[in-house]
Amino acid sequence: MSRSKIKTAIRSLFASYLLAAVLLIVLAFLLYKFHLKESHVGLAVSAIYVVTCFLGGFLMGKGIRQRRFFWGFLLGALYFAILAAASFFLGKGLPMDTGQLVRTFIMCAASGTIGGMVS
């Protein structure tokens, strides 16, 4: 992988996580202000995964300009891998069950792929 592809991947991941941080702060405010139910919060977190991976895949596709679906998928998979690794090391284990882990991977990878294809 060339330097420009690595730079594009890092920038896209950074943009995805930056957007995720902003959206999670907004979600925390909404949770505090409106006392949302746990089911609503879980749905909102899943939506944040989808939106941020879509944006990252879109940026990867725009930056690399070839095999966009593959680079979008790679971005979604990397996003998930970093998320899972952080959860594992900070939480001393994965808090999700296997089914939820697989669903989260599919959401991240699929939305990254779609973002790459749309770019």
PDB file of N, CA and C in Angstrom:
ATOM      1  N   MET A   1       0.845  -1.168   0.000  1.00  0.00           N
ATOM      2  CA  MET A   1       0.000   0.000   0.000  1.00  0.00           C
ATOM      3  C   MET A   1       0.894   1.237   0.000  1.00  0.00           C
ATOM      4  N   SER A   2       0.610   2.180  -0.866  1.00  0.00           N
ATOM      5  CA  SER A   2       1.449   3.371  -0.979  1.00  0.00           C
ATOM      6  C   SER A   2       1.167   4.345   0.165  1.00  0.00           C
ATOM      7  N   ARG A   3       2.075   5.287   0.308  1.00  0.00           N
ATOM      8  CA  ARG A   3       1.946   6.285   1.371  1.00  0.00           C
ATOM      9  C   ARG A   3       0.655   7.089   1.252  1.00  0.00           C
ATOM     10  N   SER A   4       0.284   7.444   0.036  1.00  0.00           N
ATOM     11  CA  SER A   4      -0.919   8.253  -0.136  1.00  0.00           C
ATOM     12  C   SER A   4      -2.172   7.482   0.284  1.00  0.00           C
ATOM     13  N   LYS A   5      -2.191   6.187   0.053  1.00  0.00           N
ATOM     14  CA  LYS A   5      -3.334   5.378   0.470  1.00  0.00           C
ATOM     15  C   LYS A   5      -3.389   5.269   1.992  1.00  0.00           C
ATOM     16  N   ILE A   6      -2.238   5.127   2.614  1.00  0.00           N
ATOM     17  CA  ILE A   6      -2.190   5.063   4.073  1.00  0.00           C
ATOM     18  C   ILE A   6      -2.626   6.393   4.671  1.00  0.00           C
ATOM     19  N   LYS A   7      -2.154   7.497   4.092  1.00  0.00           N
ATOM     20  CA  LYS A   7      -2.558   8.823   4.568  1.00  0.00           C
ATOM     21  C   LYS A   7      -4.059   9.015   4.418  1.00  0.00           C
ATOM     22  N   THR A   8      -4.598   8.590   3.281  1.00  0.00           N
ATOM     23  CA  THR A   8      -6.036   8.712   3.053  1.00  0.00           C
ATOM     24  C   THR A   8      -6.802   7.880   4.064  1.00  0.00           C
ATOM     25  N   ALA A   9      -6.329   6.685   4.341  1.00  0.00           N
ATOM     26  CA  ALA A   9      -6.999   5.819   5.315  1.00  0.00           C
ATOM     27  C   ALA A   9      -6.971   6.445   6.711  1.00  0.00           C
ATOM     28  N   ILE A  10      -5.844   6.986   7.096  1.00  0.00           N
ATOM     29  CA  ILE A  10      -5.723   7.603   8.426  1.00  0.00           C
ATOM     30  C   ILE A  10      -6.620   8.832   8.525  1.00  0.00           C
ATOM     31  N   ARG A  11      -6.620   9.653   7.490  1.00  0.00           N
ATOM     32  CA  ARG A  11      -7.484  10.840   7.488  1.00  0.00           C
ATOM     33  C   ARG A  11      -8.952  10.455   7.551  1.00  0.00           C
ATOM     34  N   SER A  12      -9.328   9.441   6.783  1.00  0.00           N
ATOM     35  CA  SER A  12     -10.727   9.011   6.764  1.00  0.00           C
ATOM     36  C   SER A  12     -11.148   8.441   8.114  1.00  0.00           C
ATOM     37  N   LEU A  13     -10.281   7.632   8.712  1.00  0.00           N
ATOM     38  CA  LEU A  13     -10.583   7.101  10.042  1.00  0.00           C
ATOM     39  C   LEU A  13     -10.676   8.215  11.073  1.00  0.00           C
ATOM     40  N   PHE A  14      -9.765   9.177  10.993  1.00  0.00           N
ATOM     41  CA  PHE A  14      -9.786  10.301  11.925  1.00  0.00           C
ATOM     42  C   PHE A  14     -11.086  11.084  11.784  1.00  0.00           C
ATOM     43  N   ALA A  15     -11.497  11.357  10.547  1.00  0.00           N
ATOM     44  CA  ALA A  15     -12.752  12.087  10.310  1.00  0.00           C
ATOM     45  C   ALA A  15     -13.934  11.293  10.851  1.00  0.00           C
ATOM     46  N   SER A  16     -13.921   9.973  10.664  1.00  0.00           N
ATOM     47  CA  SER A  16     -15.007   9.129  11.161  1.00  0.00           C
ATOM     48  C   SER A  16     -15.095   9.182  12.678  1.00  0.00           C
ATOM     49  N   TYR A  17     -13.957   9.046  13.346  1.00  0.00           N
ATOM     50  CA  TYR A  17     -13.965   9.062  14.802  1.00  0.00           C
ATOM     51  C   TYR A  17     -14.252  10.449  15.358  1.00  0.00           C
ATOM     52  N   LEU A  18     -13.842  11.493  14.655  1.00  0.00           N
ATOM     53  CA  LEU A  18     -14.169  12.848  15.080  1.00  0.00           C
ATOM     54  C   LEU A  18     -15.681  13.079  15.008  1.00  0.00           C
ATOM     55  N   LEU A  19     -16.291  12.661  13.897  1.00  0.00           N
ATOM     56  CA  LEU A  19     -17.743  12.771  13.779  1.00  0.00           C
ATOM     57  C   LEU A  19     -18.436  11.925  14.840  1.00  0.00           C
ATOM     58  N   ALA A  20     -17.914  10.735  15.097  1.00  0.00           N
ATOM     59  CA  ALA A  20     -18.504   9.869  16.126  1.00  0.00           C
ATOM     60  C   ALA A  20     -18.452  10.550  17.496  1.00  0.00           C
ATOM     61  N   ALA A  21     -17.339  11.198  17.804  1.00  0.00           N
ATOM     62  CA  ALA A  21     -17.215  11.898  19.090  1.00  0.00           C
ATOM     63  C   ALA A  21     -18.253  13.007  19.211  1.00  0.00           C
ATOM     64  N   VAL A  22     -18.412  13.785  18.149  1.00  0.00           N
ATOM     65  CA  VAL A  22     -19.396  14.867  18.169  1.00  0.00           C
ATOM     66  C   VAL A  22     -20.807  14.302  18.335  1.00  0.00           C
ATOM     67  N   LEU A  23     -21.137  13.278  17.563  1.00  0.00           N
ATOM     68  CA  LEU A  23     -22.475  12.696  17.644  1.00  0.00           C
ATOM     69  C   LEU A  23     -22.733  12.036  19.001  1.00  0.00           C
ATOM     70  N   LEU A  24     -21.720  11.425  19.591  1.00  0.00           N
ATOM     71  CA  LEU A  24     -21.894  10.821  20.910  1.00  0.00           C
ATOM     72  C   LEU A  24     -22.078  11.878  21.996  1.00  0.00           C
ATOM     73  N   ILE A  25     -21.427  13.015  21.844  1.00  0.00           N
ATOM     74  CA  ILE A  25     -21.631  14.116  22.790  1.00  0.00           C
ATOM     75  C   ILE A  25     -23.062  14.636  22.683  1.00  0.00           C
ATOM     76  N   VAL A  26     -23.535  14.787  21.447  1.00  0.00           N
ATOM     77  CA  VAL A  26     -24.925  15.205  21.242  1.00  0.00           C
ATOM     78  C   VAL A  26     -25.876  14.178  21.839  1.00  0.00           C
ATOM     79  N   LEU A  27     -25.606  12.904  21.629  1.00  0.00           N
ATOM     80  CA  LEU A  27     -26.446  11.846  22.198  1.00  0.00           C
ATOM     81  C   LEU A  27     -26.435  11.896  23.723  1.00  0.00           C
ATOM     82  N   ALA A  28     -25.278  12.128  24.320  1.00  0.00           N
ATOM     83  CA  ALA A  28     -25.188  12.223  25.778  1.00  0.00           C
ATOM     84  C   ALA A  28     -26.019  13.396  26.290  1.00  0.00           C
ATOM     85  N   PHE A  29     -25.967  14.516  25.577  1.00  0.00           N
ATOM     86  CA  PHE A  29     -26.780  15.662  25.966  1.00  0.00           C
ATOM     87  C   PHE A  29     -28.269  15.333  25.875  1.00  0.00           C
ATOM     88  N   LEU A  30     -28.667  14.690  24.779  1.00  0.00           N
ATOM     89  CA  LEU A  30     -30.067  14.314  24.614  1.00  0.00           C
ATOM     90  C   LEU A  30     -30.514  13.316  25.680  1.00  0.00           C
ATOM     91  N   LEU A  31     -29.633  12.399  26.021  1.00  0.00           N
ATOM     92  CA  LEU A  31     -29.935  11.428  27.069  1.00  0.00           C
ATOM     93  C   LEU A  31     -30.139  12.136  28.400  1.00  0.00           C
ATOM     94  N   TYR A  32     -29.275  13.090  28.691  1.00  0.00           N
ATOM     95  CA  TYR A  32     -29.374  13.843  29.942  1.00  0.00           C
ATOM     96  C   TYR A  32     -30.639  14.705  29.971  1.00  0.00           C
ATOM     97  N   LYS A  33     -30.905  15.381  28.862  1.00  0.00           N
ATOM     98  CA  LYS A  33     -32.008  16.340  28.813  1.00  0.00           C
ATOM     99  C   LYS A  33     -33.381  15.666  28.748  1.00  0.00           C
ATOM    100  N   PHE A  34     -33.500  14.588  27.962  1.00  0.00           N
ATOM    101  CA  PHE A  34     -34.805  13.990  27.716  1.00  0.00           C
ATOM    102  C   PHE A  34     -35.004  12.620  28.359  1.00  0.00           C
ATOM    103  N   HIS A  35     -34.017  12.143  29.086  1.00  0.00           N
ATOM    104  CA  HIS A  35     -34.118  10.846  29.775  1.00  0.00           C
ATOM    105  C   HIS A  35     -34.579   9.749  28.816  1.00  0.00           C
ATOM    106  N   LEU A  36     -33.816   9.575  27.749  1.00  0.00           N
ATOM    107  CA  LEU A  36     -34.157   8.590  26.726  1.00  0.00           C
ATOM    108  C   LEU A  36     -34.096   7.174  27.285  1.00  0.00           C
ATOM    109  N   LYS A  37     -34.867   6.275  26.673  1.00  0.00           N
ATOM    110  CA  LYS A  37     -34.851   4.869  27.068  1.00  0.00           C
ATOM    111  C   LYS A  37     -33.593   4.196  26.520  1.00  0.00           C
ATOM    112  N   GLU A  38     -33.225   3.094  27.152  1.00  0.00           N
ATOM    113  CA  GLU A  38     -32.031   2.366  26.730  1.00  0.00           C
ATOM    114  C   GLU A  38     -32.141   1.857  25.295  1.00  0.00           C
ATOM    115  N   SER A  39     -33.337   1.469  24.896  1.00  0.00           N
ATOM    116  CA  SER A  39     -33.520   0.978  23.526  1.00  0.00           C
ATOM    117  C   SER A  39     -33.285   2.095  22.510  1.00  0.00           C
ATOM    118  N   HIS A  40     -33.668   3.310  22.852  1.00  0.00           N
ATOM    119  CA  HIS A  40     -33.424   4.442  21.959  1.00  0.00           C
ATOM    120  C   HIS A  40     -31.932   4.757  21.871  1.00  0.00           C
ATOM    121  N   VAL A  41     -31.250   4.642  22.990  1.00  0.00           N
ATOM    122  CA  VAL A  41     -29.817   4.922  23.008  1.00  0.00           C
ATOM    123  C   VAL A  41     -29.073   3.881  22.171  1.00  0.00           C
ATOM    124  N   GLY A  42     -29.431   2.612  22.312  1.00  0.00           N
ATOM    125  CA  GLY A  42     -28.802   1.556  21.514  1.00  0.00           C
ATOM    126  C   GLY A  42     -29.016   1.756  20.029  1.00  0.00           C
ATOM    127  N   LEU A  43     -30.219   2.155  19.666  1.00  0.00           N
ATOM    128  CA  LEU A  43     -30.525   2.437  18.266  1.00  0.00           C
ATOM    129  C   LEU A  43     -29.726   3.636  17.765  1.00  0.00           C
ATOM    130  N   ALA A  44     -29.603   4.665  18.591  1.00  0.00           N
ATOM    131  CA  ALA A  44     -28.840   5.857  18.206  1.00  0.00           C
ATOM    132  C   ALA A  44     -27.356   5.536  18.039  1.00  0.00           C
ATOM    133  N   VAL A  45     -26.806   4.705  18.913  1.00  0.00           N
ATOM    134  CA  VAL A  45     -25.398   4.318  18.786  1.00  0.00           C
ATOM    135  C   VAL A  45     -25.178   3.533  17.490  1.00  0.00           C
ATOM    136  N   SER A  46     -26.100   2.645  17.163  1.00  0.00           N
ATOM    137  CA  SER A  46     -26.006   1.905  15.902  1.00  0.00           C
ATOM    138  C   SER A  46     -26.075   2.855  14.712  1.00  0.00           C
ATOM    139  N   ALA A  47     -26.951   3.851  14.787  1.00  0.00           N
ATOM    140  CA  ALA A  47     -27.045   4.849  13.713  1.00  0.00           C
ATOM    141  C   ALA A  47     -25.749   5.643  13.596  1.00  0.00           C
ATOM    142  N   ILE A  48     -25.119   5.930  14.719  1.00  0.00           N
ATOM    143  CA  ILE A  48     -23.840   6.650  14.696  1.00  0.00           C
ATOM    144  C   ILE A  48     -22.775   5.800  14.005  1.00  0.00           C
ATOM    145  N   TYR A  49     -22.739   4.499  14.296  1.00  0.00           N
ATOM    146  CA  TYR A  49     -21.803   3.612  13.600  1.00  0.00           C
ATOM    147  C   TYR A  49     -22.004   3.682  12.089  1.00  0.00           C
ATOM    148  N   VAL A  50     -23.253   3.613  11.670  1.00  0.00           N
ATOM    149  CA  VAL A  50     -23.570   3.603  10.241  1.00  0.00           C
ATOM    150  C   VAL A  50     -23.182   4.926   9.586  1.00  0.00           C
ATOM    151  N   VAL A  51     -23.553   6.027  10.196  1.00  0.00           N
ATOM    152  CA  VAL A  51     -23.257   7.349   9.616  1.00  0.00           C
ATOM    153  C   VAL A  51     -21.758   7.599   9.541  1.00  0.00           C
ATOM    154  N   THR A  52     -21.033   7.287  10.607  1.00  0.00           N
ATOM    155  CA  THR A  52     -19.605   7.570  10.616  1.00  0.00           C
ATOM    156  C   THR A  52     -18.831   6.656   9.660  1.00  0.00           C
ATOM    157  N   CYS A  53     -19.216   5.403   9.568  1.00  0.00           N
ATOM    158  CA  CYS A  53     -18.546   4.505   8.620  1.00  0.00           C
ATOM    159  C   CYS A  53     -18.885   4.873   7.178  1.00  0.00           C
ATOM    160  N   PHE A  54     -20.117   5.313   6.941  1.00  0.00           N
ATOM    161  CA  PHE A  54     -20.492   5.783   5.610  1.00  0.00           C
ATOM    162  C   PHE A  54     -19.621   6.974   5.219  1.00  0.00           C
ATOM    163  N   LEU A  55     -19.478   7.939   6.133  1.00  0.00           N
ATOM    164  CA  LEU A  55     -18.637   9.103   5.853  1.00  0.00           C
ATOM    165  C   LEU A  55     -17.195   8.681   5.586  1.00  0.00           C
ATOM    166  N   GLY A  56     -16.658   7.794   6.417  1.00  0.00           N
ATOM    167  CA  GLY A  56     -15.294   7.326   6.220  1.00  0.00           C
ATOM    168  C   GLY A  56     -15.114   6.612   4.895  1.00  0.00           C
ATOM    169  N   GLY A  57     -16.056   5.744   4.535  1.00  0.00           N
ATOM    170  CA  GLY A  57     -15.999   5.053   3.249  1.00  0.00           C
ATOM    171  C   GLY A  57     -16.095   6.027   2.091  1.00  0.00           C
ATOM    172  N   PHE A  58     -16.942   7.042   2.239  1.00  0.00           N
ATOM    173  CA  PHE A  58     -17.080   8.068   1.209  1.00  0.00           C
ATOM    174  C   PHE A  58     -15.757   8.813   1.020  1.00  0.00           C
ATOM    175  N   LEU A  59     -15.138   9.204   2.130  1.00  0.00           N
ATOM    176  CA  LEU A  59     -13.854   9.911   2.053  1.00  0.00           C
ATOM    177  C   LEU A  59     -12.753   9.025   1.476  1.00  0.00           C
ATOM    178  N   MET A  60     -12.757   7.754   1.840  1.00  0.00           N
ATOM    179  CA  MET A  60     -11.764   6.823   1.279  1.00  0.00           C
ATOM    180  C   MET A  60     -11.954   6.699  -0.220  1.00  0.00           C
ATOM    181  N   GLY A  61     -13.190   6.536  -0.650  1.00  0.00           N
ATOM    182  CA  GLY A  61     -13.476   6.416  -2.077  1.00  0.00           C
ATOM    183  C   GLY A  61     -13.063   7.654  -2.847  1.00  0.00           C
ATOM    184  N   LYS A  62     -13.346   8.826  -2.297  1.00  0.00           N
ATOM    185  CA  LYS A  62     -12.959  10.085  -2.939  1.00  0.00           C
ATOM    186  C   LYS A  62     -11.443  10.227  -2.991  1.00  0.00           C
ATOM    187  N   GLY A  63     -10.777   9.807  -1.934  1.00  0.00           N
ATOM    188  CA  GLY A  63      -9.330   9.978  -1.864  1.00  0.00           C
ATOM    189  C   GLY A  63      -8.554   9.015  -2.738  1.00  0.00           C
ATOM    190  N   ILE A  64      -9.003   7.783  -2.852  1.00  0.00           N
ATOM    191  CA  ILE A  64      -8.237   6.772  -3.584  1.00  0.00           C
ATOM    192  C   ILE A  64      -8.711   6.631  -5.030  1.00  0.00           C
ATOM    193  N   ARG A  65     -10.000   6.763  -5.279  1.00  0.00           N
ATOM    194  CA  ARG A  65     -10.576   6.817  -6.625  1.00  0.00           C
ATOM    195  C   ARG A  65     -10.494   5.539  -7.450  1.00  0.00           C
ATOM    196  N   GLN A  66     -10.190   4.429  -6.865  1.00  0.00           N
ATOM    197  CA  GLN A  66     -10.205   3.156  -7.588  1.00  0.00           C
ATOM    198  C   GLN A  66     -10.629   2.073  -6.602  1.00  0.00           C
ATOM    199  N   ARG A  67     -11.387   1.099  -7.084  1.00  0.00           N
ATOM    200  CA  ARG A  67     -11.900   0.026  -6.231  1.00  0.00           C
ATOM    201  C   ARG A  67     -12.516   0.590  -4.958  1.00  0.00           C
ATOM    202  N   ARG A  68     -13.383   1.569  -5.150  1.00  0.00           N
ATOM    203  CA  ARG A  68     -13.946   2.331  -4.034  1.00  0.00           C
ATOM    204  C   ARG A  68     -14.705   1.453  -3.051  1.00  0.00           C
ATOM    205  N   PHE A  69     -15.426   0.467  -3.560  1.00  0.00           N
ATOM    206  CA  PHE A  69     -16.167  -0.421  -2.658  1.00  0.00           C
ATOM    207  C   PHE A  69     -15.221  -1.153  -1.720  1.00  0.00           C
ATOM    208  N   PHE A  70     -14.066  -1.604  -2.242  1.00  0.00           N
ATOM    209  CA  PHE A  70     -13.089  -2.317  -1.417  1.00  0.00           C
ATOM    210  C   PHE A  70     -12.521  -1.410  -0.333  1.00  0.00           C
ATOM    211  N   TRP A  71     -12.148  -0.187  -0.711  1.00  0.00           N
ATOM    212  CA  TRP A  71     -11.558   0.736   0.260  1.00  0.00           C
ATOM    213  C   TRP A  71     -12.592   1.175   1.295  1.00  0.00           C
ATOM    214  N   GLY A  72     -13.840   1.308   0.865  1.00  0.00           N
ATOM    215  CA  GLY A  72     -14.899   1.604   1.821  1.00  0.00           C
ATOM    216  C   GLY A  72     -15.100   0.464   2.806  1.00  0.00           C
ATOM    217  N   PHE A  73     -15.087  -0.773   2.285  1.00  0.00           N
ATOM    218  CA  PHE A  73     -15.193  -1.944   3.156  1.00  0.00           C
ATOM    219  C   PHE A  73     -14.021  -1.986   4.138  1.00  0.00           C
ATOM    220  N   LEU A  74     -12.826  -1.725   3.636  1.00  0.00           N
ATOM    221  CA  LEU A  74     -11.638  -1.736   4.490  1.00  0.00           C
ATOM    222  C   LEU A  74     -11.747  -0.691   5.588  1.00  0.00           C
ATOM    223  N   LEU A  75     -12.250   0.484   5.240  1.00  0.00           N
ATOM    224  CA  LEU A  75     -12.431   1.528   6.249  1.00  0.00           C
ATOM    225  C   LEU A  75     -13.402   1.061   7.329  1.00  0.00           C
ATOM    226  N   GLY A  76     -14.538   0.485   6.925  1.00  0.00           N
ATOM    227  CA  GLY A  76     -15.508  -0.013   7.902  1.00  0.00           C
ATOM    228  C   GLY A  76     -14.929  -1.104   8.788  1.00  0.00           C
ATOM    229  N   ALA A  77     -14.156  -1.991   8.190  1.00  0.00           N
ATOM    230  CA  ALA A  77     -13.531  -3.070   8.965  1.00  0.00           C
ATOM    231  C   ALA A  77     -12.485  -2.518   9.937  1.00  0.00           C
ATOM    232  N   LEU A  78     -11.697  -1.550   9.490  1.00  0.00           N
ATOM    233  CA  LEU A  78     -10.710  -0.921  10.380  1.00  0.00           C
ATOM    234  C   LEU A  78     -11.392  -0.165  11.516  1.00  0.00           C
ATOM    235  N   TYR A  79     -12.452   0.535  11.190  1.00  0.00           N
ATOM    236  CA  TYR A  79     -13.224   1.269  12.200  1.00  0.00           C
ATOM    237  C   TYR A  79     -13.697   0.295  13.279  1.00  0.00           C
ATOM    238  N   PHE A  80     -14.272  -0.824  12.832  1.00  0.00           N
ATOM    239  CA  PHE A  80     -14.749  -1.833  13.777  1.00  0.00           C
ATOM    240  C   PHE A  80     -13.596  -2.420  14.584  1.00  0.00           C
ATOM    241  N   ALA A  81     -12.489  -2.732  13.918  1.00  0.00           N
ATOM    242  CA  ALA A  81     -11.349  -3.348  14.612  1.00  0.00           C
ATOM    243  C   ALA A  81     -10.797  -2.424  15.704  1.00  0.00           C
ATOM    244  N   ILE A  82     -10.683  -1.144  15.397  1.00  0.00           N
ATOM    245  CA  ILE A  82     -10.192  -0.192  16.395  1.00  0.00           C
ATOM    246  C   ILE A  82     -11.189  -0.061  17.543  1.00  0.00           C
ATOM    247  N   LEU A  83     -12.470  -0.005  17.203  1.00  0.00           N
ATOM    248  CA  LEU A  83     -13.523   0.079  18.211  1.00  0.00           C
ATOM    249  C   LEU A  83     -13.506  -1.143  19.120  1.00  0.00           C
ATOM    250  N   ALA A  84     -13.385  -2.334  18.526  1.00  0.00           N
ATOM    251  CA  ALA A  84     -13.364  -3.570  19.309  1.00  0.00           C
ATOM    252  C   ALA A  84     -12.100  -3.658  20.167  1.00  0.00           C
ATOM    253  N   ALA A  85     -10.967  -3.254  19.608  1.00  0.00           N
ATOM    254  CA  ALA A  85      -9.712  -3.292  20.370  1.00  0.00           C
ATOM    255  C   ALA A  85      -9.765  -2.327  21.553  1.00  0.00           C
ATOM    256  N   ALA A  86     -10.292  -1.135  21.329  1.00  0.00           N
ATOM    257  CA  ALA A  86     -10.406  -0.167  22.421  1.00  0.00           C
ATOM    258  C   ALA A  86     -11.344  -0.691  23.503  1.00  0.00           C
ATOM    259  N   SER A  87     -12.455  -1.276  23.105  1.00  0.00           N
ATOM    260  CA  SER A  87     -13.388  -1.854  24.079  1.00  0.00           C
ATOM    261  C   SER A  87     -12.732  -2.981  24.851  1.00  0.00           C
ATOM    262  N   PHE A  88     -11.961  -3.794  24.142  1.00  0.00           N
ATOM    263  CA  PHE A  88     -11.302  -4.933  24.778  1.00  0.00           C
ATOM    264  C   PHE A  88     -10.277  -4.469  25.811  1.00  0.00           C
ATOM    265  N   PHE A  89      -9.422  -3.519  25.419  1.00  0.00           N
ATOM    266  CA  PHE A  89      -8.347  -3.103  26.320  1.00  0.00           C
ATOM    267  C   PHE A  89      -8.819  -2.170  27.429  1.00  0.00           C
ATOM    268  N   LEU A  90      -9.761  -1.303  27.153  1.00  0.00           N
ATOM    269  CA  LEU A  90     -10.244  -0.388  28.177  1.00  0.00           C
ATOM    270  C   LEU A  90     -11.254  -1.047  29.105  1.00  0.00           C
ATOM    271  N   GLY A  91     -12.032  -1.978  28.570  1.00  0.00           N
ATOM    272  CA  GLY A  91     -13.046  -2.645  29.372  1.00  0.00           C
ATOM    273  C   GLY A  91     -12.628  -4.006  29.873  1.00  0.00           C
ATOM    274  N   LYS A  92     -11.407  -4.407  29.579  1.00  0.00           N
ATOM    275  CA  LYS A  92     -10.885  -5.716  29.982  1.00  0.00           C
ATOM    276  C   LYS A  92     -11.770  -6.849  29.488  1.00  0.00           C
ATOM    277  N   GLY A  93     -12.087  -6.797  28.222  1.00  0.00           N
ATOM    278  CA  GLY A  93     -12.905  -7.818  27.587  1.00  0.00           C
ATOM    279  C   GLY A  93     -13.941  -7.174  26.689  1.00  0.00           C
ATOM    280  N   LEU A  94     -14.534  -7.965  25.829  1.00  0.00           N
ATOM    281  CA  LEU A  94     -15.566  -7.445  24.944  1.00  0.00           C
ATOM    282  C   LEU A  94     -16.910  -7.514  25.656  1.00  0.00           C
ATOM    283  N   PRO A  95     -17.596  -6.376  25.806  1.00  0.00           N
ATOM    284  CA  PRO A  95     -18.849  -6.377  26.547  1.00  0.00           C
ATOM    285  C   PRO A  95     -20.021  -6.943  25.755  1.00  0.00           C
ATOM    286  N   MET A  96     -19.860  -7.104  24.456  1.00  0.00           N
ATOM    287  CA  MET A  96     -20.958  -7.573  23.611  1.00  0.00           C
ATOM    288  C   MET A  96     -20.943  -9.094  23.494  1.00  0.00           C
ATOM    289  N   ASP A  97     -22.113  -9.643  23.231  1.00  0.00           N
ATOM    290  CA  ASP A  97     -22.145 -11.056  22.899  1.00  0.00           C
ATOM    291  C   ASP A  97     -21.725 -11.224  21.438  1.00  0.00           C
ATOM    292  N   THR A  98     -21.509 -12.445  21.016  1.00  0.00           N
ATOM    293  CA  THR A  98     -20.999 -12.708  19.667  1.00  0.00           C
ATOM    294  C   THR A  98     -21.947 -12.212  18.590  1.00  0.00           C
ATOM    295  N   GLY A  99     -23.230 -12.396  18.779  1.00  0.00           N
ATOM    296  CA  GLY A  99     -24.205 -11.947  17.790  1.00  0.00           C
ATOM    297  C   GLY A  99     -24.166 -10.442  17.601  1.00  0.00           C
ATOM    298  N   GLN A 100     -24.094  -9.723  18.704  1.00  0.00           N
ATOM    299  CA  GLN A 100     -24.029  -8.262  18.630  1.00  0.00           C
ATOM    300  C   GLN A 100     -22.714  -7.811  17.997  1.00  0.00           C
ATOM    301  N   LEU A 101     -21.655  -8.520  18.288  1.00  0.00           N
ATOM    302  CA  LEU A 101     -20.347  -8.207  17.701  1.00  0.00           C
ATOM    303  C   LEU A 101     -20.385  -8.380  16.185  1.00  0.00           C
ATOM    304  N   VAL A 102     -20.983  -9.459  15.720  1.00  0.00           N
ATOM    305  CA  VAL A 102     -21.096  -9.715  14.284  1.00  0.00           C
ATOM    306  C   VAL A 102     -21.986  -8.667  13.613  1.00  0.00           C
ATOM    307  N   ARG A 103     -23.106  -8.326  14.250  1.00  0.00           N
ATOM    308  CA  ARG A 103     -23.997  -7.298  13.692  1.00  0.00           C
ATOM    309  C   ARG A 103     -23.302  -5.953  13.586  1.00  0.00           C
ATOM    310  N   THR A 104     -22.526  -5.608  14.592  1.00  0.00           N
ATOM    311  CA  THR A 104     -21.798  -4.336  14.558  1.00  0.00           C
ATOM    312  C   THR A 104     -20.769  -4.343  13.441  1.00  0.00           C
ATOM    313  N   PHE A 105     -20.056  -5.461  13.261  1.00  0.00           N
ATOM    314  CA  PHE A 105     -19.092  -5.552  12.159  1.00  0.00           C
ATOM    315  C   PHE A 105     -19.794  -5.394  10.815  1.00  0.00           C
ATOM    316  N   ILE A 106     -20.922  -6.062  10.648  1.00  0.00           N
ATOM    317  CA  ILE A 106     -21.653  -5.986   9.382  1.00  0.00           C
ATOM    318  C   ILE A 106     -22.133  -4.558   9.126  1.00  0.00           C
ATOM    319  N   MET A 107     -22.644  -3.892  10.161  1.00  0.00           N
ATOM    320  CA  MET A 107     -23.088  -2.504   9.997  1.00  0.00           C
ATOM    321  C   MET A 107     -21.933  -1.607   9.567  1.00  0.00           C
ATOM    322  N   CYS A 108     -20.792  -1.737  10.243  1.00  0.00           N
ATOM    323  CA  CYS A 108     -19.635  -0.890   9.926  1.00  0.00           C
ATOM    324  C   CYS A 108     -19.104  -1.185   8.525  1.00  0.00           C
ATOM    325  N   ALA A 109     -18.917  -2.453   8.210  1.00  0.00           N
ATOM    326  CA  ALA A 109     -18.356  -2.830   6.911  1.00  0.00           C
ATOM    327  C   ALA A 109     -19.315  -2.483   5.767  1.00  0.00           C
ATOM    328  N   ALA A 110     -20.594  -2.744   5.953  1.00  0.00           N
ATOM    329  CA  ALA A 110     -21.566  -2.468   4.890  1.00  0.00           C
ATOM    330  C   ALA A 110     -21.727  -0.967   4.645  1.00  0.00           C
ATOM    331  N   SER A 111     -21.814  -0.184   5.715  1.00  0.00           N
ATOM    332  CA  SER A 111     -21.984   1.253   5.505  1.00  0.00           C
ATOM    333  C   SER A 111     -20.713   1.887   4.939  1.00  0.00           C
ATOM    334  N   GLY A 112     -19.538   1.380   5.317  1.00  0.00           N
ATOM    335  CA  GLY A 112     -18.302   1.845   4.696  1.00  0.00           C
ATOM    336  C   GLY A 112     -18.251   1.502   3.218  1.00  0.00           C
ATOM    337  N   THR A 113     -18.686   0.295   2.884  1.00  0.00           N
ATOM    338  CA  THR A 113     -18.731  -0.130   1.476  1.00  0.00           C
ATOM    339  C   THR A 113     -19.675   0.742   0.664  1.00  0.00           C
ATOM    340  N   ILE A 114     -20.863   1.002   1.202  1.00  0.00           N
ATOM    341  CA  ILE A 114     -21.832   1.842   0.494  1.00  0.00           C
ATOM    342  C   ILE A 114     -21.287   3.252   0.335  1.00  0.00           C
ATOM    343  N   GLY A 115     -20.638   3.773   1.386  1.00  0.00           N
ATOM    344  CA  GLY A 115     -20.031   5.099   1.282  1.00  0.00           C
ATOM    345  C   GLY A 115     -18.977   5.163   0.202  1.00  0.00           C
ATOM    346  N   GLY A 116     -18.164   4.115   0.108  1.00  0.00           N
ATOM    347  CA  GLY A 116     -17.144   4.057  -0.941  1.00  0.00           C
ATOM    348  C   GLY A 116     -17.756   3.982  -2.318  1.00  0.00           C
ATOM    349  N   MET A 117     -18.833   3.225  -2.465  1.00  0.00           N
ATOM    350  CA  MET A 117     -19.472   3.082  -3.776  1.00  0.00           C
ATOM    351  C   MET A 117     -20.158   4.375  -4.210  1.00  0.00           C
ATOM    352  N   VAL A 118     -20.699   5.125  -3.263  1.00  0.00           N
ATOM    353  CA  VAL A 118     -21.402   6.370  -3.583  1.00  0.00           C
ATOM    354  C   VAL A 118     -20.423   7.481  -3.952  1.00  0.00           C
ATOM    355  N   SER A 119     -19.213   7.406  -3.437  1.00  0.00           N
ATOM    356  CA  SER A 119     -18.250   8.498  -3.652  1.00  0.00           C
ATOM    357  C   SER A 119     -17.887   8.713  -5.109  1.00  0.00           C
TER     358      SER A 119
END
